[in-house]
């Protein structure tokens, strides 16, 4: 499920219930006990609900760090680092999150959140280089999106 879809989804307090259907083939693995099947079905549904919550929280975490950095950009040098360290966050974690969020803003593509740090870093470097030379255009962004969406982004980036 895309991050945008997750963010637009109603909270669990909603009276609207999405009917869930398992895609697991119980017969193939000779799981015939109805009690076990029902229990596994419930576990599967919980796992998927939690994955959705994690994705939403991760997106909101990245977004909050990016926005905090922007708010503190005009403050005394080092204010942002002091702020996130006060929260117990590590520099690598924070800047990796911000890089992914920036790449998401540049590409408007949710697959960014699945990329390795090295790919994100490489793509952000290319974008920043183009921004400096004022040569950032739609064609270039399309090339970046192509890398993001490829099956092997590391190879495509090269």
Protein backbone atom coordinates (compact mmCIF):
# COMPACT_ATOMS: atom_id res chain seq x y z
CA UNK A 1 0.00 0.00 0.00
CA UNK A 2 1.36 3.42 -0.93
CA UNK A 3 2.27 5.93 1.77
CA UNK A 4 -0.28 8.40 0.44
CA UNK A 5 -2.99 5.74 0.72
CA UNK A 6 -1.96 4.95 4.27
CA UNK A 7 -2.07 8.60 5.27
CA UNK A 8 -5.51 9.03 3.75
CA UNK A 9 -6.91 5.89 5.35
CA UNK A 10 -9.28 6.39 8.27
CA UNK A 11 -8.12 5.56 11.78
CA UNK A 12 -8.91 2.25 13.41
CA UNK A 13 -11.74 3.96 15.30
CA UNK A 14 -13.71 4.17 12.07
CA UNK A 15 -16.96 2.27 11.82
CA UNK A 16 -16.09 1.41 8.24
CA UNK A 17 -14.53 -2.07 8.11
CA UNK A 18 -12.43 -3.24 5.19
CA UNK A 19 -13.11 -6.90 4.53
CA UNK A 20 -9.82 -8.75 4.56
CA UNK A 21 -9.18 -11.85 2.48
CA UNK A 22 -6.10 -13.99 3.04
CA UNK A 23 -4.10 -15.00 -0.04
CA UNK A 24 -2.26 -17.78 1.76
CA UNK A 25 -2.90 -21.25 0.35
CA UNK A 26 -3.63 -23.32 3.47
CA UNK A 27 -4.45 -26.42 1.40
CA UNK A 28 -1.02 -26.46 -0.23
CA UNK A 29 0.55 -26.90 3.21
CA UNK A 30 -2.16 -29.31 4.39
CA UNK A 31 -3.42 -26.99 7.11
CA UNK A 32 -6.94 -28.23 7.57
CA UNK A 33 -7.65 -27.53 11.24
CA UNK A 34 -10.23 -24.72 11.23
CA UNK A 35 -9.08 -23.39 14.61
CA UNK A 36 -5.46 -23.08 13.45
CA UNK A 37 -6.59 -21.51 10.18
CA UNK A 38 -8.71 -18.94 12.03
CA UNK A 39 -5.84 -18.13 14.38
CA UNK A 40 -3.38 -17.74 11.51
CA UNK A 41 -5.88 -15.62 9.65
CA UNK A 42 -6.12 -13.26 12.66
CA UNK A 43 -2.32 -13.15 13.01
CA UNK A 44 -1.95 -12.36 9.32
CA UNK A 45 -4.45 -9.53 9.59
CA UNK A 46 -2.62 -8.10 12.65
CA UNK A 47 0.76 -8.29 10.91
CA UNK A 48 -0.55 -6.42 7.87
CA UNK A 49 -2.24 -3.78 10.04
CA UNK A 50 1.01 -3.23 11.92
CA UNK A 51 3.02 -2.98 8.71
CA UNK A 52 0.64 -0.24 7.61
CA UNK A 53 1.09 1.58 10.93
CA UNK A 54 4.87 1.28 10.69
CA UNK A 55 4.89 2.71 7.16
CA UNK A 56 2.70 5.62 8.21
CA UNK A 57 4.81 6.32 11.31
CA UNK A 58 8.04 6.12 9.34
CA UNK A 59 6.75 8.58 6.76
CA UNK A 60 5.59 10.97 9.50
CA UNK A 61 8.95 10.59 11.31
CA UNK A 62 10.87 11.49 8.14
CA UNK A 63 8.54 14.40 7.44
CA UNK A 64 8.82 15.78 10.99
CA UNK A 65 12.63 15.71 10.88
CA UNK A 66 12.68 17.46 7.51
CA UNK A 67 10.27 20.15 8.73
CA UNK A 68 12.19 20.62 12.00
CA UNK A 69 15.41 21.08 10.05
CA UNK A 70 13.72 23.76 7.95
CA UNK A 71 12.37 25.51 11.05
CA UNK A 72 15.79 25.54 12.68
CA UNK A 73 17.72 26.49 9.54
CA UNK A 74 17.75 30.15 10.53
CA UNK A 75 18.70 29.50 14.16
CA UNK A 76 22.21 29.47 15.56
CA UNK A 77 24.53 26.96 13.88
CA UNK A 78 24.21 23.57 15.49
CA UNK A 79 20.68 24.14 16.78
CA UNK A 80 19.19 21.32 14.71
CA UNK A 81 21.83 18.81 15.78
CA UNK A 82 21.39 19.82 19.42
CA UNK A 83 17.62 19.52 19.02
CA UNK A 84 17.60 15.98 17.62
CA UNK A 85 20.37 14.80 19.96
CA UNK A 86 18.18 16.06 22.82
CA UNK A 87 15.59 13.57 21.54
CA UNK A 88 18.17 10.77 21.68
CA UNK A 89 18.49 10.50 17.90
CA UNK A 90 21.75 9.78 16.10
CA UNK A 91 23.08 11.98 13.31
CA UNK A 92 23.20 9.16 10.73
CA UNK A 93 19.60 8.17 11.41
CA UNK A 94 18.34 11.73 11.12
CA UNK A 95 20.17 12.68 7.94
CA UNK A 96 19.33 9.39 6.22
CA UNK A 97 15.66 10.00 7.01
CA UNK A 98 15.85 13.56 5.70
CA UNK A 99 17.61 12.44 2.51
CA UNK A 100 14.87 9.88 1.82
CA UNK A 101 12.17 12.45 2.49
CA UNK A 102 13.84 15.00 0.18
CA UNK A 103 14.11 12.38 -2.55
CA UNK A 104 10.44 11.56 -2.03
CA UNK A 105 9.61 15.28 -2.46
CA UNK A 106 11.74 15.45 -5.60
CA UNK A 107 10.21 12.36 -7.20
CA UNK A 108 6.80 12.06 -5.53
CA UNK A 109 7.42 8.30 -5.59
CA UNK A 110 6.79 6.03 -2.60
CA UNK A 111 9.39 3.49 -3.71
CA UNK A 112 12.01 5.90 -2.38
CA UNK A 113 11.32 4.56 1.11
CA UNK A 114 12.39 1.06 0.02
CA UNK A 115 15.76 2.15 -1.39
CA UNK A 116 19.09 1.51 0.30
CA UNK A 117 20.92 4.45 1.78
CA UNK A 118 23.68 4.26 -0.84
CA UNK A 119 21.15 4.63 -3.68
CA UNK A 120 19.36 7.51 -1.93
CA UNK A 121 22.66 9.22 -1.26
CA UNK A 122 23.76 8.80 -4.88
CA UNK A 123 20.49 10.15 -6.24
CA UNK A 124 20.47 13.10 -3.83
CA UNK A 125 24.06 13.90 -4.86
CA UNK A 126 23.02 13.96 -8.53
CA UNK A 127 20.01 16.18 -7.77
CA UNK A 128 22.05 18.61 -5.68
CA UNK A 129 24.68 18.81 -8.43
CA UNK A 130 21.96 19.64 -10.97
CA UNK A 131 20.38 22.20 -8.63
CA UNK A 132 23.71 23.99 -8.26
CA UNK A 133 24.09 24.26 -12.02
CA UNK A 134 20.40 25.21 -12.34
CA UNK A 135 19.95 22.32 -14.72
CA UNK A 136 17.18 20.52 -12.83
CA UNK A 137 14.38 19.77 -15.28
CA UNK A 138 11.49 17.36 -15.77
CA UNK A 139 13.55 15.08 -17.99
CA UNK A 140 16.21 14.70 -15.31
CA UNK A 141 13.59 14.01 -12.62
CA UNK A 142 12.09 11.37 -14.93
CA UNK A 143 15.51 9.71 -15.09
CA UNK A 144 15.71 9.75 -11.29
CA UNK A 145 12.22 8.20 -11.03
CA UNK A 146 13.33 5.54 -13.50
CA UNK A 147 16.18 4.59 -11.15
CA UNK A 148 13.83 4.61 -8.14
CA UNK A 149 11.36 2.30 -9.86
CA UNK A 150 13.88 -0.10 -11.33
CA UNK A 151 14.23 -3.63 -10.01
CA UNK A 152 17.95 -3.10 -9.41
CA UNK A 153 18.37 0.59 -8.53
CA UNK A 154 22.06 0.20 -7.60
CA UNK A 155 22.92 -1.02 -11.10
CA UNK A 156 20.63 1.51 -12.75
CA UNK A 157 22.22 4.36 -10.78
CA UNK A 158 25.64 3.47 -12.20
